[in-house]
Amino acid sequence: MVYTRGDYFANKEEKQFSRDEHSKGIKSNLFNNCIIYVNGYTKPWNRLKLHKEIVAHGGTFKQFLTKLSGITHIIASNLPLKKRIQFQNRKVVTPNWIIDSIEQGKLLPWQDYSLLKDTDELQRKLVLSK
């Protein structure tokens, strides 16, 4: 049997989901219906801590970004311009959205934590620099 790259990631994703379901110590359903991908280095919480808390509060954590469809939120502390443009129509928030939502016990408005507030200005600078 020949495995494709897609098969590889689907298999890894299935295993991760299974592990998360098995080890889930549900604290709340705060992130129910949220499918969250963490992009790169994050602070103050790292990827492992975010993964643990997202799952513990009922969310789904995506280890790999094989496709954007289905992802409800992208967590990032910083993004290069190319990714800012790629993710411009997505809910890209700082890790503090997770932290503050957990502390307050409710999903806070993602817009207050948006990392892409200044993307329009960055795009304008990119166009001007060409």
N, C-alpha and C. Protein backbone atom coordinates (compact mmCIF):
# COMPACT_ATOMS: atom_id res chain seq x y z
N MET A 1 0.85 -1.18 0.00
CA MET A 1 0.00 0.00 0.00
C MET A 1 0.89 1.24 0.00
N VAL A 2 0.57 2.21 -0.83
CA VAL A 2 1.33 3.44 -0.94
C VAL A 2 0.62 4.52 -0.13
N TYR A 3 1.38 5.15 0.76
CA TYR A 3 0.82 6.24 1.57
C TYR A 3 1.21 7.57 0.98
N THR A 4 0.25 8.49 0.94
CA THR A 4 0.52 9.84 0.46
C THR A 4 0.81 10.74 1.65
N ARG A 5 1.27 11.93 1.35
CA ARG A 5 1.51 12.93 2.39
C ARG A 5 0.22 13.20 3.17
N GLY A 6 -0.89 13.26 2.43
CA GLY A 6 -2.20 13.49 3.06
C GLY A 6 -2.57 12.37 4.02
N ASP A 7 -2.27 11.12 3.62
CA ASP A 7 -2.54 9.97 4.49
C ASP A 7 -1.72 10.07 5.77
N TYR A 8 -0.46 10.46 5.61
CA TYR A 8 0.45 10.59 6.76
C TYR A 8 -0.12 11.57 7.78
N PHE A 9 -0.50 12.77 7.32
CA PHE A 9 -1.02 13.78 8.24
C PHE A 9 -2.38 13.40 8.80
N ALA A 10 -3.21 12.76 8.01
CA ALA A 10 -4.52 12.32 8.50
C ALA A 10 -4.34 11.28 9.60
N ASN A 11 -3.39 10.38 9.43
CA ASN A 11 -3.10 9.36 10.42
C ASN A 11 -2.58 10.00 11.72
N LYS A 12 -1.65 10.94 11.58
CA LYS A 12 -1.11 11.63 12.76
C LYS A 12 -2.20 12.41 13.48
N GLU A 13 -3.07 13.05 12.72
CA GLU A 13 -4.15 13.83 13.30
C GLU A 13 -5.12 12.92 14.06
N GLU A 14 -5.43 11.77 13.47
CA GLU A 14 -6.33 10.81 14.11
C GLU A 14 -5.73 10.30 15.43
N LYS A 15 -4.43 10.00 15.41
CA LYS A 15 -3.77 9.53 16.63
C LYS A 15 -3.78 10.60 17.71
N GLN A 16 -3.51 11.86 17.31
CA GLN A 16 -3.51 12.94 18.29
C GLN A 16 -4.89 13.12 18.89
N PHE A 17 -5.93 13.11 18.04
CA PHE A 17 -7.29 13.26 18.52
C PHE A 17 -7.65 12.15 19.49
N SER A 18 -7.24 10.94 19.17
CA SER A 18 -7.50 9.79 20.04
C SER A 18 -6.81 9.96 21.40
N ARG A 19 -5.55 10.40 21.36
CA ARG A 19 -4.82 10.65 22.62
C ARG A 19 -5.50 11.75 23.44
N ASP A 20 -5.91 12.81 22.76
CA ASP A 20 -6.57 13.92 23.46
C ASP A 20 -7.87 13.45 24.10
N GLU A 21 -8.66 12.66 23.38
CA GLU A 21 -9.92 12.16 23.91
C GLU A 21 -9.69 11.25 25.11
N HIS A 22 -8.65 10.43 25.03
CA HIS A 22 -8.34 9.49 26.09
C HIS A 22 -7.84 10.19 27.35
N SER A 23 -7.03 11.23 27.17
CA SER A 23 -6.42 11.89 28.32
C SER A 23 -7.16 13.14 28.76
N LYS A 24 -8.29 13.39 28.15
CA LYS A 24 -9.05 14.61 28.43
C LYS A 24 -9.54 14.61 29.87
N GLY A 25 -9.04 15.56 30.63
CA GLY A 25 -9.57 15.80 31.97
C GLY A 25 -10.39 17.08 31.87
N ILE A 26 -11.64 16.94 31.48
CA ILE A 26 -12.46 18.11 31.18
C ILE A 26 -12.65 18.99 32.42
N LYS A 27 -12.26 20.24 32.25
CA LYS A 27 -12.46 21.24 33.29
C LYS A 27 -13.73 22.05 32.98
N SER A 28 -13.98 22.25 31.67
CA SER A 28 -15.17 22.98 31.24
C SER A 28 -15.40 22.70 29.75
N ASN A 29 -16.48 23.24 29.23
CA ASN A 29 -16.78 23.15 27.80
C ASN A 29 -16.60 24.50 27.13
N LEU A 30 -15.74 25.31 27.68
CA LEU A 30 -15.51 26.67 27.22
C LEU A 30 -15.20 26.75 25.73
N PHE A 31 -14.33 25.88 25.23
CA PHE A 31 -13.92 25.93 23.83
C PHE A 31 -14.62 24.87 22.98
N ASN A 32 -15.79 24.41 23.45
CA ASN A 32 -16.60 23.49 22.65
C ASN A 32 -16.85 24.13 21.28
N ASN A 33 -16.79 23.36 20.25
CA ASN A 33 -16.98 23.83 18.87
C ASN A 33 -15.85 24.72 18.36
N CYS A 34 -14.76 24.81 19.10
CA CYS A 34 -13.58 25.55 18.63
C CYS A 34 -12.53 24.54 18.17
N ILE A 35 -12.04 24.75 16.97
CA ILE A 35 -10.95 23.94 16.43
C ILE A 35 -9.78 24.90 16.26
N ILE A 36 -8.76 24.69 17.07
CA ILE A 36 -7.71 25.69 17.23
C ILE A 36 -6.35 25.16 16.78
N TYR A 37 -5.69 25.98 15.99
CA TYR A 37 -4.33 25.70 15.52
C TYR A 37 -3.40 26.74 16.12
N VAL A 38 -2.26 26.30 16.65
CA VAL A 38 -1.26 27.21 17.20
C VAL A 38 -0.12 27.32 16.20
N ASN A 39 0.15 28.55 15.78
CA ASN A 39 1.18 28.80 14.78
C ASN A 39 2.47 29.29 15.45
N GLY A 40 3.49 28.46 15.41
CA GLY A 40 4.82 28.88 15.86
C GLY A 40 4.97 29.07 17.36
N TYR A 41 6.01 29.80 17.71
CA TYR A 41 6.34 30.10 19.10
C TYR A 41 5.29 31.05 19.68
N THR A 42 4.82 30.74 20.88
CA THR A 42 3.83 31.61 21.53
C THR A 42 4.28 31.95 22.94
N LYS A 43 3.84 33.10 23.41
CA LYS A 43 4.11 33.50 24.78
C LYS A 43 2.89 34.23 25.32
N PRO A 44 2.56 34.19 26.54
CA PRO A 44 3.33 33.63 27.65
C PRO A 44 3.22 32.11 27.78
N TRP A 45 2.20 31.51 27.15
CA TRP A 45 2.08 30.04 27.20
C TRP A 45 2.64 29.45 25.92
N ASN A 46 3.38 28.35 26.06
CA ASN A 46 3.92 27.68 24.87
C ASN A 46 2.85 26.76 24.27
N ARG A 47 3.19 26.16 23.14
CA ARG A 47 2.28 25.29 22.40
C ARG A 47 1.76 24.14 23.26
N LEU A 48 2.62 23.51 24.04
CA LEU A 48 2.23 22.38 24.87
C LEU A 48 1.20 22.79 25.92
N LYS A 49 1.43 23.90 26.59
CA LYS A 49 0.49 24.40 27.61
C LYS A 49 -0.84 24.79 26.96
N LEU A 50 -0.78 25.46 25.81
CA LEU A 50 -2.02 25.82 25.11
C LEU A 50 -2.80 24.57 24.70
N HIS A 51 -2.09 23.58 24.16
CA HIS A 51 -2.72 22.31 23.75
C HIS A 51 -3.46 21.70 24.94
N LYS A 52 -2.77 21.59 26.04
CA LYS A 52 -3.35 20.97 27.24
C LYS A 52 -4.61 21.73 27.70
N GLU A 53 -4.54 23.03 27.75
CA GLU A 53 -5.67 23.83 28.25
C GLU A 53 -6.83 23.87 27.27
N ILE A 54 -6.54 23.93 25.97
CA ILE A 54 -7.61 23.92 24.97
C ILE A 54 -8.41 22.63 25.08
N VAL A 55 -7.72 21.51 25.14
CA VAL A 55 -8.38 20.20 25.24
C VAL A 55 -9.11 20.06 26.58
N ALA A 56 -8.48 20.52 27.65
CA ALA A 56 -9.10 20.42 28.98
C ALA A 56 -10.38 21.25 29.09
N HIS A 57 -10.49 22.25 28.24
CA HIS A 57 -11.68 23.10 28.26
C HIS A 57 -12.58 22.84 27.05
N GLY A 58 -12.53 21.61 26.54
CA GLY A 58 -13.48 21.15 25.55
C GLY A 58 -13.19 21.46 24.09
N GLY A 59 -12.06 22.08 23.80
CA GLY A 59 -11.73 22.43 22.42
C GLY A 59 -11.01 21.31 21.69
N THR A 60 -10.85 21.48 20.40
CA THR A 60 -10.09 20.56 19.58
C THR A 60 -8.81 21.27 19.15
N PHE A 61 -7.69 20.62 19.35
CA PHE A 61 -6.38 21.17 19.01
C PHE A 61 -5.88 20.52 17.74
N LYS A 62 -5.49 21.34 16.77
CA LYS A 62 -4.93 20.83 15.51
C LYS A 62 -3.42 20.99 15.55
N GLN A 63 -2.71 19.90 15.44
CA GLN A 63 -1.25 19.90 15.47
C GLN A 63 -0.68 20.39 14.14
N PHE A 64 -1.36 20.05 13.05
CA PHE A 64 -0.86 20.37 11.71
C PHE A 64 -1.91 21.17 10.95
N LEU A 65 -1.45 22.11 10.18
CA LEU A 65 -2.35 22.91 9.37
C LEU A 65 -2.31 22.38 7.94
N THR A 66 -3.03 21.28 7.71
CA THR A 66 -3.06 20.69 6.37
C THR A 66 -4.02 21.45 5.47
N LYS A 67 -5.03 22.06 6.06
CA LYS A 67 -5.95 22.92 5.33
C LYS A 67 -6.58 23.89 6.32
N LEU A 68 -6.97 25.04 5.82
CA LEU A 68 -7.55 26.06 6.69
C LEU A 68 -9.02 25.80 7.00
N SER A 69 -9.72 25.12 6.11
CA SER A 69 -11.14 24.89 6.36
C SER A 69 -11.30 24.05 7.62
N GLY A 70 -12.26 24.42 8.40
CA GLY A 70 -12.52 23.71 9.64
C GLY A 70 -11.86 24.35 10.85
N ILE A 71 -10.78 25.07 10.64
CA ILE A 71 -10.10 25.74 11.75
C ILE A 71 -10.92 26.97 12.14
N THR A 72 -11.29 27.09 13.41
CA THR A 72 -12.07 28.25 13.82
C THR A 72 -11.18 29.39 14.31
N HIS A 73 -10.03 29.05 14.92
CA HIS A 73 -9.13 30.07 15.45
C HIS A 73 -7.68 29.67 15.23
N ILE A 74 -6.85 30.64 14.96
CA ILE A 74 -5.41 30.44 14.87
C ILE A 74 -4.79 31.28 15.99
N ILE A 75 -3.96 30.62 16.79
CA ILE A 75 -3.29 31.31 17.90
C ILE A 75 -1.85 31.59 17.48
N ALA A 76 -1.42 32.84 17.66
CA ALA A 76 -0.06 33.21 17.32
C ALA A 76 0.35 34.43 18.14
N SER A 77 1.64 34.50 18.45
CA SER A 77 2.17 35.69 19.11
C SER A 77 2.70 36.68 18.09
N ASN A 78 3.10 36.15 16.94
CA ASN A 78 3.63 36.97 15.87
C ASN A 78 3.50 36.19 14.57
N LEU A 79 3.34 36.90 13.47
CA LEU A 79 3.27 36.27 12.16
C LEU A 79 4.06 37.09 11.16
N PRO A 80 4.78 36.43 10.27
CA PRO A 80 5.42 37.18 9.19
C PRO A 80 4.34 37.72 8.24
N LEU A 81 4.70 38.72 7.48
CA LEU A 81 3.73 39.37 6.60
C LEU A 81 3.03 38.39 5.66
N LYS A 82 3.77 37.43 5.10
CA LYS A 82 3.18 36.47 4.17
C LYS A 82 2.03 35.70 4.85
N LYS A 83 2.23 35.27 6.10
CA LYS A 83 1.17 34.53 6.80
C LYS A 83 0.05 35.47 7.22
N ARG A 84 0.36 36.71 7.54
CA ARG A 84 -0.69 37.68 7.87
C ARG A 84 -1.64 37.82 6.69
N ILE A 85 -1.07 37.87 5.50
CA ILE A 85 -1.89 37.97 4.30
C ILE A 85 -2.65 36.68 4.06
N GLN A 86 -1.98 35.54 4.23
CA GLN A 86 -2.62 34.22 4.04
C GLN A 86 -3.79 34.04 5.00
N PHE A 87 -3.65 34.50 6.23
CA PHE A 87 -4.67 34.30 7.27
C PHE A 87 -5.60 35.50 7.45
N GLN A 88 -5.56 36.46 6.53
CA GLN A 88 -6.28 37.72 6.73
C GLN A 88 -7.78 37.56 6.94
N ASN A 89 -8.38 36.50 6.45
CA ASN A 89 -9.82 36.30 6.62
C ASN A 89 -10.12 35.28 7.71
N ARG A 90 -9.19 35.06 8.59
CA ARG A 90 -9.32 34.09 9.68
C ARG A 90 -9.31 34.80 11.03
N LYS A 91 -9.76 34.08 12.05
CA LYS A 91 -9.72 34.60 13.41
C LYS A 91 -8.34 34.26 13.98
N VAL A 92 -7.41 35.19 13.85
CA VAL A 92 -6.05 34.99 14.36
C VAL A 92 -5.94 35.82 15.63
N VAL A 93 -5.72 35.13 16.74
CA VAL A 93 -5.70 35.80 18.04
C VAL A 93 -4.42 35.47 18.80
N THR A 94 -4.12 36.31 19.76
CA THR A 94 -2.95 36.07 20.61
C THR A 94 -3.31 35.00 21.65
N PRO A 95 -2.31 34.38 22.26
CA PRO A 95 -2.58 33.38 23.29
C PRO A 95 -3.39 33.93 24.48
N ASN A 96 -3.34 35.25 24.65
CA ASN A 96 -4.08 35.84 25.77
C ASN A 96 -5.59 35.65 25.64
N TRP A 97 -6.08 35.42 24.42
CA TRP A 97 -7.50 35.13 24.26
C TRP A 97 -7.85 33.84 24.99
N ILE A 98 -7.00 32.83 24.86
CA ILE A 98 -7.20 31.56 25.57
C ILE A 98 -7.10 31.78 27.07
N ILE A 99 -6.02 32.41 27.49
CA ILE A 99 -5.74 32.61 28.92
C ILE A 99 -6.86 33.41 29.58
N ASP A 100 -7.21 34.55 29.01
CA ASP A 100 -8.23 35.41 29.60
C ASP A 100 -9.62 34.76 29.58
N SER A 101 -9.93 34.04 28.50
CA SER A 101 -11.22 33.34 28.44
C SER A 101 -11.33 32.30 29.55
N ILE A 102 -10.25 31.56 29.78
CA ILE A 102 -10.24 30.56 30.86
C ILE A 102 -10.40 31.25 32.20
N GLU A 103 -9.63 32.31 32.42
CA GLU A 103 -9.69 33.03 33.71
C GLU A 103 -11.09 33.59 33.98
N GLN A 104 -11.77 34.09 32.93
CA GLN A 104 -13.09 34.69 33.11
C GLN A 104 -14.23 33.68 32.97
N GLY A 105 -13.88 32.46 32.52
CA GLY A 105 -14.90 31.41 32.42
C GLY A 105 -15.90 31.61 31.30
N LYS A 106 -15.52 32.39 30.28
CA LYS A 106 -16.40 32.59 29.13
C LYS A 106 -15.54 32.95 27.93
N LEU A 107 -16.08 32.65 26.74
CA LEU A 107 -15.37 33.01 25.51
C LEU A 107 -15.45 34.51 25.33
N LEU A 108 -14.30 35.13 25.32
CA LEU A 108 -14.24 36.57 25.14
C LEU A 108 -14.26 36.89 23.64
N PRO A 109 -14.65 38.11 23.27
CA PRO A 109 -14.68 38.47 21.85
C PRO A 109 -13.28 38.34 21.24
N TRP A 110 -13.17 37.53 20.20
CA TRP A 110 -11.86 37.28 19.59
C TRP A 110 -11.28 38.56 18.99
N GLN A 111 -12.15 39.47 18.56
CA GLN A 111 -11.69 40.70 17.93
C GLN A 111 -10.80 41.53 18.86
N ASP A 112 -11.06 41.43 20.16
CA ASP A 112 -10.25 42.18 21.13
C ASP A 112 -8.83 41.65 21.22
N TYR A 113 -8.60 40.45 20.70
CA TYR A 113 -7.29 39.80 20.77
C TYR A 113 -6.69 39.55 19.38
N SER A 114 -7.29 40.17 18.38
CA SER A 114 -6.85 39.95 17.00
C SER A 114 -5.41 40.37 16.78
N LEU A 115 -4.66 39.51 16.13
CA LEU A 115 -3.27 39.81 15.81
C LEU A 115 -3.17 40.55 14.48
N LEU A 116 -4.25 40.55 13.71
CA LEU A 116 -4.21 41.09 12.35
C LEU A 116 -4.80 42.49 12.23
N LYS A 117 -4.93 43.21 13.31
CA LYS A 117 -5.51 44.54 13.28
C LYS A 117 -4.77 45.47 12.32
N ASP A 118 -3.46 45.29 12.23
CA ASP A 118 -2.66 46.18 11.41
C ASP A 118 -2.27 45.59 10.06
N THR A 119 -2.92 44.53 9.64
CA THR A 119 -2.57 43.88 8.37
C THR A 119 -2.78 44.79 7.17
N ASP A 120 -3.86 45.59 7.18
CA ASP A 120 -4.11 46.49 6.05
C ASP A 120 -2.94 47.44 5.84
N GLU A 121 -2.42 47.99 6.91
CA GLU A 121 -1.27 48.90 6.81
C GLU A 121 -0.03 48.16 6.30
N LEU A 122 0.18 46.94 6.78
CA LEU A 122 1.33 46.15 6.32
C LEU A 122 1.20 45.81 4.84
N GLN A 123 -0.02 45.48 4.39
CA GLN A 123 -0.23 45.18 2.98
C GLN A 123 0.07 46.40 2.12
N ARG A 124 -0.36 47.56 2.58
CA ARG A 124 -0.12 48.80 1.84
C ARG A 124 1.38 49.04 1.69
N LYS A 125 2.14 48.82 2.76
CA LYS A 125 3.59 49.00 2.72
C LYS A 125 4.23 47.99 1.75
N LEU A 126 3.71 46.76 1.74
CA LEU A 126 4.23 45.73 0.85
C LEU A 126 4.02 46.13 -0.60
N VAL A 127 2.83 46.61 -0.93
CA VAL A 127 2.53 47.03 -2.30
C VAL A 127 3.42 48.20 -2.70
N LEU A 128 3.61 49.15 -1.80
CA LEU A 128 4.43 50.32 -2.08
C LEU A 128 5.90 49.97 -2.27
N SER A 129 6.35 48.91 -1.61
CA SER A 129 7.76 48.55 -1.67
C SER A 129 8.12 47.77 -2.92
N LYS A 130 7.12 47.34 -3.70
CA LYS A 130 7.39 46.55 -4.92
C LYS A 130 7.87 47.42 -6.05
